[in-house]
Amino acid sequence: MTASNATETHPDHAPRARLWINWLLALSTILGAGIVQLFAMGAVMSTSACSAPNCPKPTGFIYGLLTYGAPVVAVAAIVLSFFTARLPRGWIVPAVAWLLLVIDVAILAAAFS
């Protein structure tokens, strides 16, 4: 095997690995959106027995945005990955989606604590 053969086969493996990582990250946002949904439902159910006036209760628009925005973020990450997966920095799309999901859980945890 010569040096020219090694350089010809190596670039084929790097984009393929990058493509797999991108799609694994993008498809795993579905799992992340499900976790956000379960966390939001658990947070609401935990306040159902509270009758004090200062109990954290979900408000319509904000709670809906935090709860039902998570699946939208996951679908948007998957759709955008069809266009960006082969790009060198295409992994940024699912990484941003995961960042938004983590921020969503953090806001829900702060709102219901």
PDB file of N, CA and C in Angstrom:
ATOM      1  N   MET A   1       0.850  -1.159   0.000  1.00  0.00           N
ATOM      2  CA  MET A   1       0.000   0.000   0.000  1.00  0.00           C
ATOM      3  C   MET A   1       0.902   1.231   0.000  1.00  0.00           C
ATOM      4  N   THR A   2       0.687   2.086  -0.931  1.00  0.00           N
ATOM      5  CA  THR A   2       1.505   3.287  -1.041  1.00  0.00           C
ATOM      6  C   THR A   2       0.822   4.442  -0.345  1.00  0.00           C
ATOM      7  N   ALA A   3       1.539   5.537  -0.253  1.00  0.00           N
ATOM      8  CA  ALA A   3       0.986   6.721   0.407  1.00  0.00           C
ATOM      9  C   ALA A   3      -0.199   7.280  -0.359  1.00  0.00           C
ATOM     10  N   SER A   4      -0.210   7.135  -1.664  1.00  0.00           N
ATOM     11  CA  SER A   4      -1.329   7.665  -2.444  1.00  0.00           C
ATOM     12  C   SER A   4      -2.595   6.850  -2.206  1.00  0.00           C
ATOM     13  N   ASN A   5      -2.445   5.524  -2.012  1.00  0.00           N
ATOM     14  CA  ASN A   5      -3.618   4.706  -1.714  1.00  0.00           C
ATOM     15  C   ASN A   5      -4.193   5.024  -0.344  1.00  0.00           C
ATOM     16  N   ALA A   6      -3.342   5.316   0.606  1.00  0.00           N
ATOM     17  CA  ALA A   6      -3.818   5.632   1.958  1.00  0.00           C
ATOM     18  C   ALA A   6      -4.584   6.935   1.973  1.00  0.00           C
ATOM     19  N   THR A   7      -4.139   7.902   1.204  1.00  0.00           N
ATOM     20  CA  THR A   7      -4.856   9.188   1.191  1.00  0.00           C
ATOM     21  C   THR A   7      -6.135   9.094   0.389  1.00  0.00           C
ATOM     22  N   GLU A   8      -6.210   8.165  -0.550  1.00  0.00           N
ATOM     23  CA  GLU A   8      -7.435   8.036  -1.338  1.00  0.00           C
ATOM     24  C   GLU A   8      -8.541   7.358  -0.538  1.00  0.00           C
ATOM     25  N   THR A   9      -8.219   6.401   0.316  1.00  0.00           N
ATOM     26  CA  THR A   9      -9.254   5.691   1.061  1.00  0.00           C
ATOM     27  C   THR A   9      -9.634   6.421   2.346  1.00  0.00           C
ATOM     28  N   HIS A  10      -8.726   7.182   2.930  1.00  0.00           N
ATOM     29  CA  HIS A  10      -9.014   7.854   4.194  1.00  0.00           C
ATOM     30  C   HIS A  10     -10.114   8.919   4.087  1.00  0.00           C
ATOM     31  N   PRO A  11     -10.148   9.776   3.069  1.00  0.00           N
ATOM     32  CA  PRO A  11     -11.221  10.773   3.013  1.00  0.00           C
ATOM     33  C   PRO A  11     -12.609  10.167   2.881  1.00  0.00           C
ATOM     34  N   ASP A  12     -12.716   8.943   2.342  1.00  0.00           N
ATOM     35  CA  ASP A  12     -14.032   8.322   2.225  1.00  0.00           C
ATOM     36  C   ASP A  12     -14.597   7.933   3.580  1.00  0.00           C
ATOM     37  N   HIS A  13     -13.734   7.571   4.534  1.00  0.00           N
ATOM     38  CA  HIS A  13     -14.199   7.149   5.850  1.00  0.00           C
ATOM     39  C   HIS A  13     -14.609   8.337   6.717  1.00  0.00           C
ATOM     40  N   ALA A  14     -13.933   9.440   6.615  1.00  0.00           N
ATOM     41  CA  ALA A  14     -14.247  10.593   7.460  1.00  0.00           C
ATOM     42  C   ALA A  14     -15.636  11.155   7.172  1.00  0.00           C
ATOM     43  N   PRO A  15     -16.010  11.400   5.910  1.00  0.00           N
ATOM     44  CA  PRO A  15     -17.365  11.906   5.676  1.00  0.00           C
ATOM     45  C   PRO A  15     -18.438  10.900   6.069  1.00  0.00           C
ATOM     46  N   ARG A  16     -18.170   9.603   5.877  1.00  0.00           N
ATOM     47  CA  ARG A  16     -19.172   8.600   6.239  1.00  0.00           C
ATOM     48  C   ARG A  16     -19.395   8.588   7.749  1.00  0.00           C
ATOM     49  N   ALA A  17     -18.326   8.667   8.519  1.00  0.00           N
ATOM     50  CA  ALA A  17     -18.456   8.700   9.973  1.00  0.00           C
ATOM     51  C   ALA A  17     -19.172   9.975  10.414  1.00  0.00           C
ATOM     52  N   ARG A  18     -18.817  11.079   9.790  1.00  0.00           N
ATOM     53  CA  ARG A  18     -19.470  12.344  10.119  1.00  0.00           C
ATOM     54  C   ARG A  18     -20.953  12.285   9.783  1.00  0.00           C
ATOM     55  N   LEU A  19     -21.301  11.640   8.680  1.00  0.00           N
ATOM     56  CA  LEU A  19     -22.702  11.492   8.281  1.00  0.00           C
ATOM     57  C   LEU A  19     -23.472  10.644   9.291  1.00  0.00           C
ATOM     58  N   TRP A  20     -22.869   9.544   9.751  1.00  0.00           N
ATOM     59  CA  TRP A  20     -23.519   8.690  10.754  1.00  0.00           C
ATOM     60  C   TRP A  20     -23.731   9.436  12.063  1.00  0.00           C
ATOM     61  N   ILE A  21     -22.721  10.164  12.481  1.00  0.00           N
ATOM     62  CA  ILE A  21     -22.855  10.920  13.735  1.00  0.00           C
ATOM     63  C   ILE A  21     -23.946  11.968  13.609  1.00  0.00           C
ATOM     64  N   ASN A  22     -23.984  12.641  12.478  1.00  0.00           N
ATOM     65  CA  ASN A  22     -25.004  13.663  12.266  1.00  0.00           C
ATOM     66  C   ASN A  22     -26.403  13.058  12.335  1.00  0.00           C
ATOM     67  N   TRP A  23     -26.606  11.944  11.643  1.00  0.00           N
ATOM     68  CA  TRP A  23     -27.942  11.345  11.644  1.00  0.00           C
ATOM     69  C   TRP A  23     -28.300  10.719  12.989  1.00  0.00           C
ATOM     70  N   LEU A  24     -27.327  10.176  13.700  1.00  0.00           N
ATOM     71  CA  LEU A  24     -27.626   9.667  15.041  1.00  0.00           C
ATOM     72  C   LEU A  24     -28.034  10.796  15.972  1.00  0.00           C
ATOM     73  N   LEU A  25     -27.336  11.922  15.881  1.00  0.00           N
ATOM     74  CA  LEU A  25     -27.714  13.074  16.701  1.00  0.00           C
ATOM     75  C   LEU A  25     -29.094  13.601  16.312  1.00  0.00           C
ATOM     76  N   ALA A  26     -29.341  13.695  15.011  1.00  0.00           N
ATOM     77  CA  ALA A  26     -30.622  14.234  14.548  1.00  0.00           C
ATOM     78  C   ALA A  26     -31.788  13.328  14.950  1.00  0.00           C
ATOM     79  N   LEU A  27     -31.625  12.024  14.752  1.00  0.00           N
ATOM     80  CA  LEU A  27     -32.715  11.113  15.100  1.00  0.00           C
ATOM     81  C   LEU A  27     -32.886  10.962  16.608  1.00  0.00           C
ATOM     82  N   SER A  28     -31.823  11.169  17.358  1.00  0.00           N
ATOM     83  CA  SER A  28     -31.954  11.070  18.818  1.00  0.00           C
ATOM     84  C   SER A  28     -32.716  12.254  19.406  1.00  0.00           C
ATOM     85  N   THR A  29     -32.893  13.321  18.627  1.00  0.00           N
ATOM     86  CA  THR A  29     -33.710  14.427  19.131  1.00  0.00           C
ATOM     87  C   THR A  29     -35.165  14.010  19.319  1.00  0.00           C
ATOM     88  N   ILE A  30     -35.589  12.949  18.618  1.00  0.00           N
ATOM     89  CA  ILE A  30     -36.942  12.418  18.845  1.00  0.00           C
ATOM     90  C   ILE A  30     -37.045  11.902  20.275  1.00  0.00           C
ATOM     91  N   LEU A  31     -36.028  11.177  20.707  1.00  0.00           N
ATOM     92  CA  LEU A  31     -35.990  10.692  22.087  1.00  0.00           C
ATOM     93  C   LEU A  31     -35.949  11.875  23.061  1.00  0.00           C
ATOM     94  N   GLY A  32     -35.160  12.880  22.749  1.00  0.00           N
ATOM     95  CA  GLY A  32     -35.080  14.076  23.591  1.00  0.00           C
ATOM     96  C   GLY A  32     -36.412  14.794  23.694  1.00  0.00           C
ATOM     97  N   ALA A  33     -37.132  14.890  22.582  1.00  0.00           N
ATOM     98  CA  ALA A  33     -38.451  15.537  22.605  1.00  0.00           C
ATOM     99  C   ALA A  33     -39.430  14.728  23.458  1.00  0.00           C
ATOM    100  N   GLY A  34     -39.333  13.411  23.404  1.00  0.00           N
ATOM    101  CA  GLY A  34     -40.176  12.568  24.259  1.00  0.00           C
ATOM    102  C   GLY A  34     -39.862  12.761  25.730  1.00  0.00           C
ATOM    103  N   ILE A  35     -38.591  12.926  26.042  1.00  0.00           N
ATOM    104  CA  ILE A  35     -38.193  13.180  27.432  1.00  0.00           C
ATOM    105  C   ILE A  35     -38.740  14.515  27.902  1.00  0.00           C
ATOM    106  N   VAL A  36     -38.694  15.524  27.048  1.00  0.00           N
ATOM    107  CA  VAL A  36     -39.252  16.834  27.408  1.00  0.00           C
ATOM    108  C   VAL A  36     -40.751  16.713  27.654  1.00  0.00           C
ATOM    109  N   GLN A  37     -41.446  15.969  26.807  1.00  0.00           N
ATOM    110  CA  GLN A  37     -42.891  15.775  26.983  1.00  0.00           C
ATOM    111  C   GLN A  37     -43.193  15.086  28.318  1.00  0.00           C
ATOM    112  N   LEU A  38     -42.454  14.044  28.631  1.00  0.00           N
ATOM    113  CA  LEU A  38     -42.677  13.338  29.893  1.00  0.00           C
ATOM    114  C   LEU A  38     -42.347  14.217  31.097  1.00  0.00           C
ATOM    115  N   PHE A  39     -41.280  14.992  30.986  1.00  0.00           N
ATOM    116  CA  PHE A  39     -40.905  15.890  32.080  1.00  0.00           C
ATOM    117  C   PHE A  39     -41.975  16.951  32.294  1.00  0.00           C
ATOM    118  N   ALA A  40     -42.505  17.501  31.206  1.00  0.00           N
ATOM    119  CA  ALA A  40     -43.540  18.532  31.323  1.00  0.00           C
ATOM    120  C   ALA A  40     -44.821  17.965  31.928  1.00  0.00           C
ATOM    121  N   MET A  41     -45.212  16.777  31.508  1.00  0.00           N
ATOM    122  CA  MET A  41     -46.415  16.165  32.075  1.00  0.00           C
ATOM    123  C   MET A  41     -46.206  15.823  33.550  1.00  0.00           C
ATOM    124  N   GLY A  42     -45.032  15.337  33.898  1.00  0.00           N
ATOM    125  CA  GLY A  42     -44.732  15.050  35.299  1.00  0.00           C
ATOM    126  C   GLY A  42     -44.734  16.301  36.151  1.00  0.00           C
ATOM    127  N   ALA A  43     -44.232  17.400  35.592  1.00  0.00           N
ATOM    128  CA  ALA A  43     -44.228  18.661  36.337  1.00  0.00           C
ATOM    129  C   ALA A  43     -45.634  19.154  36.588  1.00  0.00           C
ATOM    130  N   VAL A  44     -46.503  19.037  35.605  1.00  0.00           N
ATOM    131  CA  VAL A  44     -47.899  19.464  35.782  1.00  0.00           C
ATOM    132  C   VAL A  44     -48.608  18.554  36.760  1.00  0.00           C
ATOM    133  N   MET A  45     -48.387  17.263  36.664  1.00  0.00           N
ATOM    134  CA  MET A  45     -49.051  16.334  37.571  1.00  0.00           C
ATOM    135  C   MET A  45     -48.583  16.514  39.005  1.00  0.00           C
ATOM    136  N   SER A  46     -47.350  16.961  39.188  1.00  0.00           N
ATOM    137  CA  SER A  46     -46.860  17.165  40.547  1.00  0.00           C
ATOM    138  C   SER A  46     -47.502  18.372  41.221  1.00  0.00           C
ATOM    139  N   THR A  47     -48.070  19.273  40.452  1.00  0.00           N
ATOM    140  CA  THR A  47     -48.725  20.446  41.043  1.00  0.00           C
ATOM    141  C   THR A  47     -50.227  20.238  41.235  1.00  0.00           C
ATOM    142  N   SER A  48     -50.759  19.105  40.849  1.00  0.00           N
ATOM    143  CA  SER A  48     -52.206  18.916  40.914  1.00  0.00           C
ATOM    144  C   SER A  48     -52.736  18.856  42.345  1.00  0.00           C
ATOM    145  N   ALA A  49     -51.956  18.403  43.290  1.00  0.00           N
ATOM    146  CA  ALA A  49     -52.423  18.293  44.672  1.00  0.00           C
ATOM    147  C   ALA A  49     -52.190  19.571  45.470  1.00  0.00           C
ATOM    148  N   CYS A  50     -51.513  20.529  44.895  1.00  0.00           N
ATOM    149  CA  CYS A  50     -51.204  21.765  45.610  1.00  0.00           C
ATOM    150  C   CYS A  50     -52.398  22.712  45.540  1.00  0.00           C
ATOM    151  N   SER A  51     -52.828  23.198  46.704  1.00  0.00           N
ATOM    152  CA  SER A  51     -53.971  24.114  46.726  1.00  0.00           C
ATOM    153  C   SER A  51     -53.585  25.492  47.253  1.00  0.00           C
ATOM    154  N   ALA A  52     -52.317  25.706  47.540  1.00  0.00           N
ATOM    155  CA  ALA A  52     -51.869  27.014  48.016  1.00  0.00           C
ATOM    156  C   ALA A  52     -51.911  28.028  46.871  1.00  0.00           C
ATOM    157  N   PRO A  53     -52.108  29.290  47.187  1.00  0.00           N
ATOM    158  CA  PRO A  53     -52.186  30.290  46.116  1.00  0.00           C
ATOM    159  C   PRO A  53     -50.857  30.500  45.374  1.00  0.00           C
ATOM    160  N   ASN A  54     -49.743  30.162  45.989  1.00  0.00           N
ATOM    161  CA  ASN A  54     -48.460  30.392  45.321  1.00  0.00           C
ATOM    162  C   ASN A  54     -47.911  29.140  44.638  1.00  0.00           C
ATOM    163  N   CYS A  55     -48.741  28.150  44.384  1.00  0.00           N
ATOM    164  CA  CYS A  55     -48.310  26.935  43.691  1.00  0.00           C
ATOM    165  C   CYS A  55     -47.966  27.264  42.236  1.00  0.00           C
ATOM    166  N   PRO A  56     -46.916  26.659  41.734  1.00  0.00           N
ATOM    167  CA  PRO A  56     -46.596  26.891  40.318  1.00  0.00           C
ATOM    168  C   PRO A  56     -47.608  26.178  39.430  1.00  0.00           C
ATOM    169  N   LYS A  57     -48.335  26.928  38.670  1.00  0.00           N
ATOM    170  CA  LYS A  57     -49.315  26.369  37.737  1.00  0.00           C
ATOM    171  C   LYS A  57     -48.905  26.747  36.326  1.00  0.00           C
ATOM    172  N   PRO A  58     -49.133  25.857  35.372  1.00  0.00           N
ATOM    173  CA  PRO A  58     -48.749  26.171  34.005  1.00  0.00           C
ATOM    174  C   PRO A  58     -49.645  27.251  33.411  1.00  0.00           C
ATOM    175  N   THR A  59     -49.022  28.141  32.664  1.00  0.00           N
ATOM    176  CA  THR A  59     -49.795  29.147  31.944  1.00  0.00           C
ATOM    177  C   THR A  59     -49.931  28.697  30.503  1.00  0.00           C
ATOM    178  N   GLY A  60     -50.979  29.105  29.862  1.00  0.00           N
ATOM    179  CA  GLY A  60     -51.342  28.610  28.547  1.00  0.00           C
ATOM    180  C   GLY A  60     -50.272  28.675  27.483  1.00  0.00           C
ATOM    181  N   PHE A  61     -49.902  29.864  27.035  1.00  0.00           N
ATOM    182  CA  PHE A  61     -49.018  29.988  25.875  1.00  0.00           C
ATOM    183  C   PHE A  61     -47.602  29.508  26.179  1.00  0.00           C
ATOM    184  N   ILE A  62     -47.042  29.932  27.293  1.00  0.00           N
ATOM    185  CA  ILE A  62     -45.660  29.570  27.609  1.00  0.00           C
ATOM    186  C   ILE A  62     -45.526  28.068  27.836  1.00  0.00           C
ATOM    187  N   TYR A  63     -46.449  27.501  28.597  1.00  0.00           N
ATOM    188  CA  TYR A  63     -46.392  26.066  28.830  1.00  0.00           C
ATOM    189  C   TYR A  63     -46.574  25.294  27.520  1.00  0.00           C
ATOM    190  N   GLY A  64     -47.495  25.738  26.702  1.00  0.00           N
ATOM    191  CA  GLY A  64     -47.708  25.095  25.402  1.00  0.00           C
ATOM    192  C   GLY A  64     -46.488  25.193  24.507  1.00  0.00           C
ATOM    193  N   LEU A  65     -45.841  26.345  24.518  1.00  0.00           N
ATOM    194  CA  LEU A  65     -44.642  26.529  23.721  1.00  0.00           C
ATOM    195  C   LEU A  65     -43.523  25.617  24.200  1.00  0.00           C
ATOM    196  N   LEU A  66     -43.339  25.535  25.516  1.00  0.00           N
ATOM    197  CA  LEU A  66     -42.283  24.683  26.056  1.00  0.00           C
ATOM    198  C   LEU A  66     -42.581  23.201  25.858  1.00  0.00           C
ATOM    199  N   THR A  67     -43.838  22.825  25.982  1.00  0.00           N
ATOM    200  CA  THR A  67     -44.199  21.411  25.882  1.00  0.00           C
ATOM    201  C   THR A  67     -44.282  20.945  24.435  1.00  0.00           C
ATOM    202  N   TYR A  68     -45.024  21.656  23.636  1.00  0.00           N
ATOM    203  CA  TYR A  68     -45.273  21.199  22.276  1.00  0.00           C
ATOM    204  C   TYR A  68     -44.260  21.739  21.273  1.00  0.00           C
ATOM    205  N   GLY A  69     -43.346  22.568  21.732  1.00  0.00           N
ATOM    206  CA  GLY A  69     -42.275  23.034  20.856  1.00  0.00           C
ATOM    207  C   GLY A  69     -41.169  22.006  20.702  1.00  0.00           C
ATOM    208  N   ALA A  70     -41.040  21.116  21.656  1.00  0.00           N
ATOM    209  CA  ALA A  70     -39.972  20.106  21.606  1.00  0.00           C
ATOM    210  C   ALA A  70     -40.101  19.173  20.401  1.00  0.00           C
ATOM    211  N   PRO A  71     -41.288  18.639  20.103  1.00  0.00           N
ATOM    212  CA  PRO A  71     -41.388  17.814  18.890  1.00  0.00           C
ATOM    213  C   PRO A  71     -41.147  18.617  17.614  1.00  0.00           C
ATOM    214  N   VAL A  72     -41.507  19.878  17.624  1.00  0.00           N
ATOM    215  CA  VAL A  72     -41.258  20.725  16.453  1.00  0.00           C
ATOM    216  C   VAL A  72     -39.753  20.896  16.249  1.00  0.00           C
ATOM    217  N   VAL A  73     -39.016  21.076  17.343  1.00  0.00           N
ATOM    218  CA  VAL A  73     -37.563  21.197  17.255  1.00  0.00           C
ATOM    219  C   VAL A  73     -36.961  19.904  16.700  1.00  0.00           C
ATOM    220  N   ALA A  74     -37.451  18.757  17.147  1.00  0.00           N
ATOM    221  CA  ALA A  74     -36.929  17.474  16.667  1.00  0.00           C
ATOM    222  C   ALA A  74     -37.212  17.285  15.180  1.00  0.00           C
ATOM    223  N   VAL A  75     -38.420  17.581  14.760  1.00  0.00           N
ATOM    224  CA  VAL A  75     -38.766  17.442  13.341  1.00  0.00           C
ATOM    225  C   VAL A  75     -37.960  18.426  12.500  1.00  0.00           C
ATOM    226  N   ALA A  76     -37.799  19.646  12.976  1.00  0.00           N
ATOM    227  CA  ALA A  76     -37.010  20.633  12.236  1.00  0.00           C
ATOM    228  C   ALA A  76     -35.555  20.191  12.108  1.00  0.00           C
ATOM    229  N   ALA A  77     -35.006  19.591  13.155  1.00  0.00           N
ATOM    230  CA  ALA A  77     -33.625  19.105  13.095  1.00  0.00           C
ATOM    231  C   ALA A  77     -33.484  17.993  12.065  1.00  0.00           C
ATOM    232  N   ILE A  78     -34.454  17.109  12.002  1.00  0.00           N
ATOM    233  CA  ILE A  78     -34.390  16.009  11.041  1.00  0.00           C
ATOM    234  C   ILE A  78     -34.550  16.523   9.618  1.00  0.00           C
ATOM    235  N   VAL A  79     -35.493  17.424   9.407  1.00  0.00           N
ATOM    236  CA  VAL A  79     -35.710  17.975   8.059  1.00  0.00           C
ATOM    237  C   VAL A  79     -34.488  18.763   7.608  1.00  0.00           C
ATOM    238  N   LEU A  80     -33.950  19.593   8.473  1.00  0.00           N
ATOM    239  CA  LEU A  80     -32.765  20.368   8.101  1.00  0.00           C
ATOM    240  C   LEU A  80     -31.547  19.475   7.890  1.00  0.00           C
ATOM    241  N   SER A  81     -31.493  18.345   8.567  1.00  0.00           N
ATOM    242  CA  SER A  81     -30.366  17.429   8.394  1.00  0.00           C
ATOM    243  C   SER A  81     -30.354  16.797   7.008  1.00  0.00           C
ATOM    244  N   PHE A  82     -31.498  16.719   6.353  1.00  0.00           N
ATOM    245  CA  PHE A  82     -31.508  16.233   4.976  1.00  0.00           C
ATOM    246  C   PHE A  82     -30.674  17.144   4.078  1.00  0.00           C
ATOM    247  N   PHE A  83     -30.634  18.432   4.406  1.00  0.00           N
ATOM    248  CA  PHE A  83     -29.890  19.382   3.593  1.00  0.00           C
ATOM    249  C   PHE A  83     -28.473  19.626   4.100  1.00  0.00           C
ATOM    250  N   THR A  84     -28.234  19.417   5.385  1.00  0.00           N
ATOM    251  CA  THR A  84     -26.938  19.778   5.952  1.00  0.00           C
ATOM    252  C   THR A  84     -26.085  18.597   6.385  1.00  0.00           C
ATOM    253  N   ALA A  85     -26.577  17.387   6.292  1.00  0.00           N
ATOM    254  CA  ALA A  85     -25.851  16.230   6.835  1.00  0.00           C
ATOM    255  C   ALA A  85     -24.511  16.008   6.144  1.00  0.00           C
ATOM    256  N   ARG A  86     -24.424  16.275   4.886  1.00  0.00           N
ATOM    257  CA  ARG A  86     -23.182  16.030   4.148  1.00  0.00           C
ATOM    258  C   ARG A  86     -22.196  17.187   4.246  1.00  0.00           C
ATOM    259  N   LEU A  87     -22.607  18.285   4.806  1.00  0.00           N
ATOM    260  CA  LEU A  87     -21.711  19.428   4.945  1.00  0.00           C
ATOM    261  C   LEU A  87     -20.730  19.190   6.093  1.00  0.00           C
ATOM    262  N   PRO A  88     -19.553  19.800   6.025  1.00  0.00           N
ATOM    263  CA  PRO A  88     -18.568  19.586   7.093  1.00  0.00           C
ATOM    264  C   PRO A  88     -19.063  19.994   8.478  1.00  0.00           C
ATOM    265  N   ARG A  89     -19.854  21.025   8.542  1.00  0.00           N
ATOM    266  CA  ARG A  89     -20.372  21.470   9.844  1.00  0.00           C
ATOM    267  C   ARG A  89     -21.870  21.179   9.992  1.00  0.00           C
ATOM    268  N   GLY A  90     -22.333  20.163   9.328  1.00  0.00           N
ATOM    269  CA  GLY A  90     -23.745  19.798   9.389  1.00  0.00           C
ATOM    270  C   GLY A  90     -24.191  19.310  10.754  1.00  0.00           C
ATOM    271  N   TRP A  91     -23.261  18.882  11.580  1.00  0.00           N
ATOM    272  CA  TRP A  91     -23.588  18.403  12.924  1.00  0.00           C
ATOM    273  C   TRP A  91     -24.105  19.534  13.812  1.00  0.00           C
ATOM    274  N   ILE A  92     -23.916  20.774  13.385  1.00  0.00           N
ATOM    275  CA  ILE A  92     -24.372  21.906  14.201  1.00  0.00           C
ATOM    276  C   ILE A  92     -25.890  21.924  14.326  1.00  0.00           C
ATOM    277  N   VAL A  93     -26.599  21.502  13.291  1.00  0.00           N
ATOM    278  CA  VAL A  93     -28.066  21.511  13.330  1.00  0.00           C
ATOM    279  C   VAL A  93     -28.599  20.619  14.452  1.00  0.00           C
ATOM    280  N   PRO A  94     -28.233  19.335  14.531  1.00  0.00           N
ATOM    281  CA  PRO A  94     -28.740  18.540  15.652  1.00  0.00           C
ATOM    282  C   PRO A  94     -28.161  18.972  16.999  1.00  0.00           C
ATOM    283  N   ALA A  95     -26.952  19.523  17.006  1.00  0.00           N
ATOM    284  CA  ALA A  95     -26.381  20.001  18.272  1.00  0.00           C
ATOM    285  C   ALA A  95     -27.184  21.183  18.814  1.00  0.00           C
ATOM    286  N   VAL A  96     -27.602  22.089  17.935  1.00  0.00           N
ATOM    287  CA  VAL A  96     -28.434  23.220  18.356  1.00  0.00           C
ATOM    288  C   VAL A  96     -29.800  22.717  18.816  1.00  0.00           C
ATOM    289  N   ALA A  97     -30.328  21.711  18.126  1.00  0.00           N
ATOM    290  CA  ALA A  97     -31.616  21.139  18.541  1.00  0.00           C
ATOM    291  C   ALA A  97     -31.509  20.547  19.936  1.00  0.00           C
ATOM    292  N   TRP A  98     -30.423  19.825  20.220  1.00  0.00           N
ATOM    293  CA  TRP A  98     -30.229  19.275  21.557  1.00  0.00           C
ATOM    294  C   TRP A  98     -30.066  20.376  22.596  1.00  0.00           C
ATOM    295  N   LEU A  99     -29.376  21.443  22.219  1.00  0.00           N
ATOM    296  CA  LEU A  99     -29.221  22.577  23.134  1.00  0.00           C
ATOM    297  C   LEU A  99     -30.579  23.180  23.470  1.00  0.00           C
ATOM    298  N   LEU A 100     -31.432  23.336  22.467  1.00  0.00           N
ATOM    299  CA  LEU A 100     -32.777  23.873  22.713  1.00  0.00           C
ATOM    300  C   LEU A 100     -33.598  22.943  23.603  1.00  0.00           C
ATOM    301  N   LEU A 101     -33.456  21.645  23.424  1.00  0.00           N
ATOM    302  CA  LEU A 101     -34.194  20.694  24.268  1.00  0.00           C
ATOM    303  C   LEU A 101     -33.715  20.748  25.715  1.00  0.00           C
ATOM    304  N   VAL A 102     -32.422  20.879  25.913  1.00  0.00           N
ATOM    305  CA  VAL A 102     -31.885  20.977  27.271  1.00  0.00           C
ATOM    306  C   VAL A 102     -32.339  22.279  27.930  1.00  0.00           C
ATOM    307  N   ILE A 103     -32.336  23.366  27.172  1.00  0.00           N
ATOM    308  CA  ILE A 103     -32.821  24.646  27.702  1.00  0.00           C
ATOM    309  C   ILE A 103     -34.299  24.543  28.047  1.00  0.00           C
ATOM    310  N   ASP A 104     -35.061  23.835  27.233  1.00  0.00           N
ATOM    311  CA  ASP A 104     -36.488  23.633  27.483  1.00  0.00           C
ATOM    312  C   ASP A 104     -36.708  22.933  28.822  1.00  0.00           C
ATOM    313  N   VAL A 105     -35.965  21.872  29.070  1.00  0.00           N
ATOM    314  CA  VAL A 105     -36.095  21.143  30.352  1.00  0.00           C
ATOM    315  C   VAL A 105     -35.671  22.036  31.511  1.00  0.00           C
ATOM    316  N   ALA A 106     -34.629  22.821  31.321  1.00  0.00           N
ATOM    317  CA  ALA A 106     -34.163  23.706  32.388  1.00  0.00           C
ATOM    318  C   ALA A 106     -35.217  24.758  32.728  1.00  0.00           C
ATOM    319  N   ILE A 107     -35.861  25.318  31.723  1.00  0.00           N
ATOM    320  CA  ILE A 107     -36.918  26.312  31.981  1.00  0.00           C
ATOM    321  C   ILE A 107     -38.102  25.659  32.663  1.00  0.00           C
ATOM    322  N   LEU A 108     -38.478  24.468  32.224  1.00  0.00           N
ATOM    323  CA  LEU A 108     -39.592  23.760  32.884  1.00  0.00           C
ATOM    324  C   LEU A 108     -39.241  23.439  34.338  1.00  0.00           C
ATOM    325  N   ALA A 109     -38.017  23.016  34.584  1.00  0.00           N
ATOM    326  CA  ALA A 109     -37.621  22.696  35.958  1.00  0.00           C
ATOM    327  C   ALA A 109     -37.630  23.952  36.820  1.00  0.00           C
ATOM    328  N   ALA A 110     -37.192  25.067  36.295  1.00  0.00           N
ATOM    329  CA  ALA A 110     -37.190  26.304  37.068  1.00  0.00           C
ATOM    330  C   ALA A 110     -38.610  26.820  37.290  1.00  0.00           C
ATOM    331  N   ALA A 111     -39.469  26.643  36.321  1.00  0.00           N
ATOM    332  CA  ALA A 111     -40.845  27.141  36.435  1.00  0.00           C
ATOM    333  C   ALA A 111     -41.662  26.353  37.453  1.00  0.00           C
ATOM    334  N   PHE A 112     -41.392  25.070  37.580  1.00  0.00           N
ATOM    335  CA  PHE A 112     -42.196  24.225  38.463  1.00  0.00           C
ATOM    336  C   PHE A 112     -41.495  23.863  39.753  1.00  0.00           C
ATOM    337  N   SER A 113     -40.430  24.562  40.108  1.00  0.00           N
ATOM    338  CA  SER A 113     -39.764  24.240  41.366  1.00  0.00           C
ATOM    339  C   SER A 113     -40.182  25.191  42.468  1.00  0.00           C
TER     340      SER A 113
END
